[in-house]
Amino acid sequence: THFYIGGGRFGGDRGPKSEILNPPEGKIPDFSISYKTTMNQAVLYRLNGDFNPLHIDPKFAQRGDYKKPILHGLCTFGFATRAILNNLCEGDVTRFKEFKARFANIVYPGETLTTEGWKVNGKYIIQTKTENEIVVINNAYATVE
């Protein structure tokens, strides 16, 4: 599967635009936690059945204008989910109700991901970024009990 930013243009109604969820300006996050991805994370993640060479083959990744193989989006999403589950639900999956997010940028294996959350109107606005302050998940929210 390939994802092309700005791709599409196939005609037809694009449907309603979704609400844009940004972290509240100037407010300290209600939680923030960092987890380091491993260099072999993408290799292990192939066990989920995604055999796209973009995640493991350096030459193939360079053909896509990446400096090296990138981490699976589902893995990035999983790191953010773990942060929410551990910080807001105390590890209790029955309290985790909903998580919606958009991918904003790529993650390379070995990078550290910091997920932050701000409580706003009964849900948490979520953002995940790398140690270089590159936002990789945004326009996101989680609902927990």
N, C-alpha and C. Protein backbone atom coordinates (compact mmCIF):
# COMPACT_ATOMS: atom_id res chain seq x y z
N THR A 1 0.84 -1.17 0.00
CA THR A 1 0.00 0.00 0.00
C THR A 1 0.89 1.23 0.00
N HIS A 2 0.50 2.21 -0.78
CA HIS A 2 1.22 3.48 -0.81
C HIS A 2 0.27 4.59 -0.41
N PHE A 3 0.81 5.60 0.24
CA PHE A 3 0.04 6.75 0.66
C PHE A 3 0.66 7.98 0.02
N TYR A 4 -0.12 8.69 -0.75
CA TYR A 4 0.37 9.89 -1.43
C TYR A 4 -0.37 11.10 -0.89
N ILE A 5 0.35 11.99 -0.22
CA ILE A 5 -0.26 13.19 0.31
C ILE A 5 -0.76 14.03 -0.85
N GLY A 6 -2.02 14.41 -0.78
CA GLY A 6 -2.62 15.21 -1.84
C GLY A 6 -3.08 14.37 -3.02
N GLY A 7 -2.94 13.05 -2.92
CA GLY A 7 -3.38 12.16 -3.99
C GLY A 7 -4.90 12.17 -4.09
N GLY A 8 -5.37 11.47 -5.04
CA GLY A 8 -6.82 11.39 -5.22
C GLY A 8 -7.22 12.04 -6.52
N ARG A 9 -8.08 13.03 -6.41
CA ARG A 9 -8.61 13.72 -7.59
C ARG A 9 -9.29 12.74 -8.54
N PHE A 10 -10.06 11.83 -7.96
CA PHE A 10 -10.75 10.85 -8.78
C PHE A 10 -12.16 11.30 -9.12
N GLY A 11 -12.53 12.49 -8.68
CA GLY A 11 -13.88 12.99 -8.94
C GLY A 11 -14.82 12.60 -7.82
N GLY A 12 -16.00 13.12 -7.89
CA GLY A 12 -16.99 12.79 -6.88
C GLY A 12 -16.88 13.68 -5.66
N ASP A 13 -17.86 13.55 -4.82
CA ASP A 13 -17.94 14.34 -3.60
C ASP A 13 -16.91 13.86 -2.59
N ARG A 14 -16.13 14.78 -2.05
CA ARG A 14 -15.12 14.43 -1.06
C ARG A 14 -15.73 14.22 0.32
N GLY A 15 -16.97 14.57 0.48
CA GLY A 15 -17.62 14.43 1.78
C GLY A 15 -17.27 15.59 2.69
N PRO A 16 -17.84 15.58 3.89
CA PRO A 16 -17.59 16.69 4.81
C PRO A 16 -16.16 16.64 5.35
N LYS A 17 -15.62 17.82 5.59
CA LYS A 17 -14.29 17.90 6.20
C LYS A 17 -14.42 17.56 7.68
N SER A 18 -13.42 16.85 8.16
CA SER A 18 -13.43 16.50 9.58
C SER A 18 -12.91 17.68 10.40
N GLU A 19 -13.31 17.68 11.65
CA GLU A 19 -12.87 18.71 12.58
C GLU A 19 -11.36 18.62 12.76
N ILE A 20 -10.68 19.75 12.79
CA ILE A 20 -9.24 19.76 13.02
C ILE A 20 -9.01 19.93 14.52
N LEU A 21 -8.26 18.99 15.08
CA LEU A 21 -8.01 18.98 16.52
C LEU A 21 -6.55 19.30 16.80
N ASN A 22 -6.30 20.48 17.30
CA ASN A 22 -4.95 20.89 17.65
C ASN A 22 -4.81 20.94 19.16
N PRO A 23 -3.61 20.66 19.68
CA PRO A 23 -3.40 20.81 21.12
C PRO A 23 -3.67 22.26 21.53
N PRO A 24 -4.24 22.46 22.72
CA PRO A 24 -4.51 23.83 23.18
C PRO A 24 -3.20 24.62 23.31
N GLU A 25 -3.19 25.80 22.73
CA GLU A 25 -1.98 26.62 22.75
C GLU A 25 -1.63 27.05 24.16
N GLY A 26 -0.36 26.86 24.52
CA GLY A 26 0.14 27.32 25.80
C GLY A 26 -0.21 26.44 26.99
N LYS A 27 -0.97 25.37 26.77
CA LYS A 27 -1.35 24.49 27.89
C LYS A 27 -0.38 23.31 27.96
N ILE A 28 0.07 23.00 29.15
CA ILE A 28 0.95 21.85 29.37
C ILE A 28 0.12 20.59 29.20
N PRO A 29 0.67 19.55 28.53
CA PRO A 29 -0.10 18.31 28.35
C PRO A 29 -0.47 17.68 29.69
N ASP A 30 -1.63 17.02 29.71
CA ASP A 30 -2.05 16.29 30.90
C ASP A 30 -1.23 15.01 31.07
N PHE A 31 -0.70 14.51 29.98
CA PHE A 31 0.26 13.41 30.08
C PHE A 31 1.23 13.50 28.91
N SER A 32 2.41 12.98 29.14
CA SER A 32 3.46 12.92 28.11
C SER A 32 4.36 11.74 28.45
N ILE A 33 4.55 10.86 27.48
CA ILE A 33 5.43 9.71 27.71
C ILE A 33 6.17 9.40 26.43
N SER A 34 7.40 8.96 26.58
CA SER A 34 8.25 8.63 25.43
C SER A 34 8.59 7.15 25.45
N TYR A 35 8.56 6.56 24.26
CA TYR A 35 8.99 5.18 24.05
C TYR A 35 9.94 5.17 22.86
N LYS A 36 11.02 4.42 22.99
CA LYS A 36 11.98 4.30 21.89
C LYS A 36 11.63 3.10 21.03
N THR A 37 11.55 3.33 19.72
CA THR A 37 11.39 2.21 18.80
C THR A 37 12.75 1.54 18.64
N THR A 38 12.76 0.29 18.23
CA THR A 38 14.02 -0.41 18.05
C THR A 38 14.41 -0.42 16.58
N MET A 39 15.67 -0.66 16.33
CA MET A 39 16.16 -0.70 14.95
C MET A 39 15.54 -1.86 14.17
N ASN A 40 15.15 -2.93 14.86
CA ASN A 40 14.57 -4.08 14.15
C ASN A 40 13.04 -4.09 14.23
N GLN A 41 12.45 -2.99 14.66
CA GLN A 41 11.00 -2.92 14.83
C GLN A 41 10.25 -3.23 13.53
N ALA A 42 10.70 -2.69 12.41
CA ALA A 42 10.02 -2.93 11.14
C ALA A 42 10.12 -4.39 10.71
N VAL A 43 11.25 -5.00 11.00
CA VAL A 43 11.43 -6.42 10.66
C VAL A 43 10.42 -7.26 11.45
N LEU A 44 10.32 -6.99 12.74
CA LEU A 44 9.37 -7.72 13.57
C LEU A 44 7.93 -7.44 13.16
N TYR A 45 7.66 -6.21 12.74
CA TYR A 45 6.30 -5.83 12.40
C TYR A 45 5.80 -6.52 11.13
N ARG A 46 6.71 -7.09 10.37
CA ARG A 46 6.29 -7.84 9.18
C ARG A 46 5.43 -9.04 9.57
N LEU A 47 5.54 -9.47 10.82
CA LEU A 47 4.72 -10.59 11.29
C LEU A 47 3.23 -10.28 11.22
N ASN A 48 2.88 -9.00 11.09
CA ASN A 48 1.48 -8.61 10.91
C ASN A 48 1.01 -8.82 9.48
N GLY A 49 1.92 -9.23 8.61
CA GLY A 49 1.53 -9.53 7.23
C GLY A 49 1.80 -8.42 6.24
N ASP A 50 2.42 -7.32 6.65
CA ASP A 50 2.75 -6.24 5.73
C ASP A 50 4.18 -6.47 5.24
N PHE A 51 4.30 -6.99 4.04
CA PHE A 51 5.61 -7.33 3.49
C PHE A 51 6.14 -6.27 2.52
N ASN A 52 5.60 -5.06 2.59
CA ASN A 52 6.05 -3.98 1.73
C ASN A 52 7.55 -3.76 1.95
N PRO A 53 8.35 -3.83 0.88
CA PRO A 53 9.80 -3.66 1.03
C PRO A 53 10.21 -2.26 1.50
N LEU A 54 9.30 -1.30 1.45
CA LEU A 54 9.59 0.06 1.92
C LEU A 54 10.03 0.06 3.38
N HIS A 55 9.60 -0.96 4.13
CA HIS A 55 9.88 -1.01 5.56
C HIS A 55 11.15 -1.77 5.91
N ILE A 56 11.80 -2.38 4.92
CA ILE A 56 12.94 -3.24 5.25
C ILE A 56 14.11 -3.13 4.27
N ASP A 57 13.84 -2.74 3.04
CA ASP A 57 14.85 -2.72 1.99
C ASP A 57 15.35 -1.29 1.75
N PRO A 58 16.60 -0.97 2.12
CA PRO A 58 17.12 0.39 1.95
C PRO A 58 17.06 0.90 0.51
N LYS A 59 17.38 0.06 -0.45
CA LYS A 59 17.36 0.51 -1.85
C LYS A 59 15.93 0.83 -2.30
N PHE A 60 14.99 0.02 -1.89
CA PHE A 60 13.60 0.28 -2.24
C PHE A 60 13.12 1.57 -1.59
N ALA A 61 13.49 1.79 -0.33
CA ALA A 61 13.10 3.01 0.38
C ALA A 61 13.67 4.25 -0.32
N GLN A 62 14.90 4.17 -0.80
CA GLN A 62 15.51 5.30 -1.50
C GLN A 62 14.77 5.61 -2.79
N ARG A 63 14.22 4.60 -3.43
CA ARG A 63 13.42 4.84 -4.65
C ARG A 63 12.19 5.67 -4.34
N GLY A 64 11.74 5.61 -3.09
CA GLY A 64 10.60 6.42 -2.66
C GLY A 64 11.01 7.72 -2.00
N ASP A 65 12.26 8.12 -2.20
CA ASP A 65 12.81 9.36 -1.64
C ASP A 65 12.92 9.36 -0.11
N TYR A 66 13.05 8.19 0.48
CA TYR A 66 13.32 8.09 1.91
C TYR A 66 14.79 7.76 2.09
N LYS A 67 15.41 8.29 3.15
CA LYS A 67 16.84 8.04 3.35
C LYS A 67 17.12 6.61 3.79
N LYS A 68 16.10 5.95 4.33
CA LYS A 68 16.22 4.54 4.75
C LYS A 68 14.81 4.00 4.95
N PRO A 69 14.67 2.70 5.22
CA PRO A 69 13.34 2.13 5.42
C PRO A 69 12.59 2.83 6.57
N ILE A 70 11.28 2.94 6.40
CA ILE A 70 10.45 3.63 7.39
C ILE A 70 9.64 2.62 8.21
N LEU A 71 9.22 3.06 9.37
CA LEU A 71 8.43 2.22 10.25
C LEU A 71 6.99 2.13 9.72
N HIS A 72 6.36 1.00 9.93
CA HIS A 72 4.96 0.83 9.55
C HIS A 72 4.10 1.86 10.29
N GLY A 73 3.12 2.42 9.59
CA GLY A 73 2.19 3.34 10.24
C GLY A 73 1.45 2.68 11.39
N LEU A 74 1.07 1.42 11.20
CA LEU A 74 0.36 0.70 12.25
C LEU A 74 1.22 0.57 13.51
N CYS A 75 2.52 0.45 13.34
CA CYS A 75 3.42 0.38 14.50
C CYS A 75 3.45 1.73 15.22
N THR A 76 3.53 2.81 14.47
CA THR A 76 3.51 4.15 15.05
C THR A 76 2.20 4.35 15.82
N PHE A 77 1.09 3.96 15.20
CA PHE A 77 -0.23 4.05 15.83
C PHE A 77 -0.25 3.23 17.12
N GLY A 78 0.39 2.06 17.08
CA GLY A 78 0.46 1.20 18.26
C GLY A 78 1.22 1.83 19.41
N PHE A 79 2.30 2.54 19.09
CA PHE A 79 3.07 3.21 20.15
C PHE A 79 2.22 4.29 20.81
N ALA A 80 1.46 5.04 20.01
CA ALA A 80 0.58 6.07 20.57
C ALA A 80 -0.53 5.42 21.41
N THR A 81 -1.07 4.32 20.92
CA THR A 81 -2.12 3.61 21.65
C THR A 81 -1.61 3.11 23.00
N ARG A 82 -0.40 2.56 23.01
CA ARG A 82 0.19 2.09 24.27
C ARG A 82 0.34 3.24 25.25
N ALA A 83 0.76 4.41 24.78
CA ALA A 83 0.91 5.57 25.65
C ALA A 83 -0.43 5.96 26.28
N ILE A 84 -1.48 5.96 25.47
CA ILE A 84 -2.82 6.30 25.97
C ILE A 84 -3.28 5.25 26.98
N LEU A 85 -3.15 4.00 26.61
CA LEU A 85 -3.59 2.90 27.48
C LEU A 85 -2.88 2.92 28.83
N ASN A 86 -1.58 3.12 28.81
CA ASN A 86 -0.81 3.10 30.06
C ASN A 86 -1.01 4.36 30.91
N ASN A 87 -1.22 5.51 30.27
CA ASN A 87 -1.32 6.76 31.02
C ASN A 87 -2.73 7.14 31.42
N LEU A 88 -3.70 6.84 30.59
CA LEU A 88 -5.07 7.26 30.87
C LEU A 88 -5.95 6.14 31.37
N CYS A 89 -5.59 4.90 31.08
CA CYS A 89 -6.43 3.76 31.44
C CYS A 89 -5.77 2.84 32.45
N GLU A 90 -4.58 3.20 32.90
CA GLU A 90 -3.82 2.38 33.84
C GLU A 90 -3.71 0.93 33.37
N GLY A 91 -3.60 0.76 32.05
CA GLY A 91 -3.44 -0.57 31.46
C GLY A 91 -4.72 -1.36 31.31
N ASP A 92 -5.86 -0.80 31.70
CA ASP A 92 -7.15 -1.50 31.63
C ASP A 92 -7.80 -1.25 30.27
N VAL A 93 -7.74 -2.23 29.39
CA VAL A 93 -8.25 -2.06 28.02
C VAL A 93 -9.76 -1.80 27.98
N THR A 94 -10.49 -2.21 29.01
CA THR A 94 -11.94 -1.97 29.01
C THR A 94 -12.27 -0.49 29.16
N ARG A 95 -11.32 0.31 29.63
CA ARG A 95 -11.53 1.76 29.76
C ARG A 95 -11.21 2.51 28.47
N PHE A 96 -10.54 1.86 27.55
CA PHE A 96 -10.12 2.49 26.28
C PHE A 96 -11.28 2.37 25.29
N LYS A 97 -11.88 3.48 24.92
CA LYS A 97 -13.08 3.46 24.09
C LYS A 97 -12.85 3.82 22.63
N GLU A 98 -11.98 4.78 22.36
CA GLU A 98 -11.85 5.25 20.98
C GLU A 98 -10.53 5.99 20.80
N PHE A 99 -9.95 5.80 19.62
CA PHE A 99 -8.75 6.56 19.25
C PHE A 99 -8.81 6.79 17.75
N LYS A 100 -8.85 8.05 17.37
CA LYS A 100 -8.84 8.42 15.95
C LYS A 100 -7.65 9.34 15.74
N ALA A 101 -6.95 9.13 14.62
CA ALA A 101 -5.73 9.90 14.40
C ALA A 101 -5.43 10.02 12.91
N ARG A 102 -4.57 10.95 12.60
CA ARG A 102 -4.05 11.12 11.25
C ARG A 102 -2.53 11.04 11.30
N PHE A 103 -1.98 10.39 10.30
CA PHE A 103 -0.52 10.35 10.18
C PHE A 103 -0.06 11.65 9.55
N ALA A 104 0.95 12.27 10.14
CA ALA A 104 1.44 13.55 9.67
C ALA A 104 2.83 13.46 9.05
N ASN A 105 3.59 12.42 9.41
CA ASN A 105 4.95 12.29 8.89
C ASN A 105 5.42 10.87 9.15
N ILE A 106 6.60 10.56 8.64
CA ILE A 106 7.14 9.21 8.76
C ILE A 106 7.98 9.06 10.03
N VAL A 107 8.17 7.81 10.42
CA VAL A 107 9.02 7.46 11.56
C VAL A 107 10.06 6.48 11.05
N TYR A 108 11.29 6.66 11.48
CA TYR A 108 12.35 5.72 11.16
C TYR A 108 12.58 4.80 12.36
N PRO A 109 12.82 3.51 12.12
CA PRO A 109 13.14 2.62 13.23
C PRO A 109 14.31 3.18 14.05
N GLY A 110 14.18 3.08 15.36
CA GLY A 110 15.21 3.60 16.26
C GLY A 110 14.87 4.96 16.84
N GLU A 111 13.88 5.66 16.26
CA GLU A 111 13.50 6.96 16.79
C GLU A 111 12.69 6.80 18.07
N THR A 112 12.74 7.82 18.90
CA THR A 112 11.94 7.86 20.12
C THR A 112 10.67 8.65 19.83
N LEU A 113 9.54 8.08 20.22
CA LEU A 113 8.24 8.72 20.01
C LEU A 113 7.68 9.20 21.34
N THR A 114 7.28 10.47 21.37
CA THR A 114 6.66 11.05 22.55
C THR A 114 5.20 11.31 22.22
N THR A 115 4.32 10.73 23.02
CA THR A 115 2.88 10.95 22.86
C THR A 115 2.40 11.82 24.01
N GLU A 116 1.66 12.87 23.64
CA GLU A 116 1.14 13.81 24.62
C GLU A 116 -0.38 13.89 24.48
N GLY A 117 -1.05 14.20 25.59
CA GLY A 117 -2.50 14.33 25.56
C GLY A 117 -2.99 15.47 26.43
N TRP A 118 -4.00 16.18 25.92
CA TRP A 118 -4.61 17.30 26.62
C TRP A 118 -6.10 17.02 26.75
N LYS A 119 -6.63 17.07 27.96
CA LYS A 119 -8.06 16.84 28.16
C LYS A 119 -8.83 18.08 27.74
N VAL A 120 -9.75 17.90 26.78
CA VAL A 120 -10.57 18.98 26.27
C VAL A 120 -11.98 18.44 26.04
N ASN A 121 -12.95 19.00 26.72
CA ASN A 121 -14.36 18.62 26.52
C ASN A 121 -14.61 17.12 26.60
N GLY A 122 -14.05 16.47 27.60
CA GLY A 122 -14.32 15.07 27.84
C GLY A 122 -13.53 14.07 27.01
N LYS A 123 -12.67 14.57 26.12
CA LYS A 123 -11.80 13.66 25.37
C LYS A 123 -10.38 14.22 25.42
N TYR A 124 -9.45 13.43 24.98
CA TYR A 124 -8.05 13.84 24.99
C TYR A 124 -7.58 14.12 23.57
N ILE A 125 -7.07 15.33 23.36
CA ILE A 125 -6.42 15.67 22.09
C ILE A 125 -5.03 15.05 22.17
N ILE A 126 -4.65 14.29 21.14
CA ILE A 126 -3.41 13.52 21.15
C ILE A 126 -2.47 14.01 20.06
N GLN A 127 -1.19 14.02 20.39
CA GLN A 127 -0.14 14.33 19.41
C GLN A 127 1.07 13.44 19.71
N THR A 128 1.67 12.90 18.66
CA THR A 128 2.89 12.10 18.82
C THR A 128 3.97 12.73 17.95
N LYS A 129 5.18 12.84 18.51
CA LYS A 129 6.28 13.44 17.76
C LYS A 129 7.57 12.68 18.05
N THR A 130 8.55 12.88 17.18
CA THR A 130 9.86 12.24 17.35
C THR A 130 10.73 13.09 18.27
N GLU A 131 11.90 12.56 18.60
CA GLU A 131 12.83 13.32 19.45
C GLU A 131 13.32 14.58 18.76
N ASN A 132 13.12 14.69 17.45
CA ASN A 132 13.49 15.89 16.70
C ASN A 132 12.32 16.87 16.58
N GLU A 133 11.27 16.64 17.38
CA GLU A 133 10.08 17.51 17.40
C GLU A 133 9.29 17.45 16.10
N ILE A 134 9.44 16.40 15.33
CA ILE A 134 8.65 16.22 14.11
C ILE A 134 7.35 15.53 14.50
N VAL A 135 6.22 16.19 14.26
CA VAL A 135 4.92 15.63 14.59
C VAL A 135 4.60 14.53 13.58
N VAL A 136 4.32 13.33 14.10
CA VAL A 136 4.05 12.18 13.22
C VAL A 136 2.60 11.71 13.32
N ILE A 137 1.92 12.01 14.41
CA ILE A 137 0.48 11.78 14.54
C ILE A 137 -0.12 13.07 15.07
N ASN A 138 -1.15 13.55 14.37
CA ASN A 138 -1.83 14.75 14.83
C ASN A 138 -3.32 14.65 14.51
N ASN A 139 -4.02 15.75 14.73
CA ASN A 139 -5.46 15.77 14.47
C ASN A 139 -6.09 14.51 15.05
N ALA A 140 -5.75 14.23 16.30
CA ALA A 140 -6.12 12.96 16.92
C ALA A 140 -6.81 13.18 18.26
N TYR A 141 -7.66 12.23 18.61
CA TYR A 141 -8.26 12.26 19.94
C TYR A 141 -8.50 10.85 20.44
N ALA A 142 -8.58 10.74 21.75
CA ALA A 142 -8.89 9.48 22.41
C ALA A 142 -10.01 9.71 23.41
N THR A 143 -10.87 8.72 23.53
CA THR A 143 -11.93 8.73 24.53
C THR A 143 -11.71 7.55 25.46
N VAL A 144 -11.68 7.83 26.74
CA VAL A 144 -11.47 6.78 27.75
C VAL A 144 -12.47 6.97 28.88
N GLU A 145 -12.66 5.89 29.65
CA GLU A 145 -13.51 5.98 30.85
C GLU A 145 -12.64 6.17 32.07
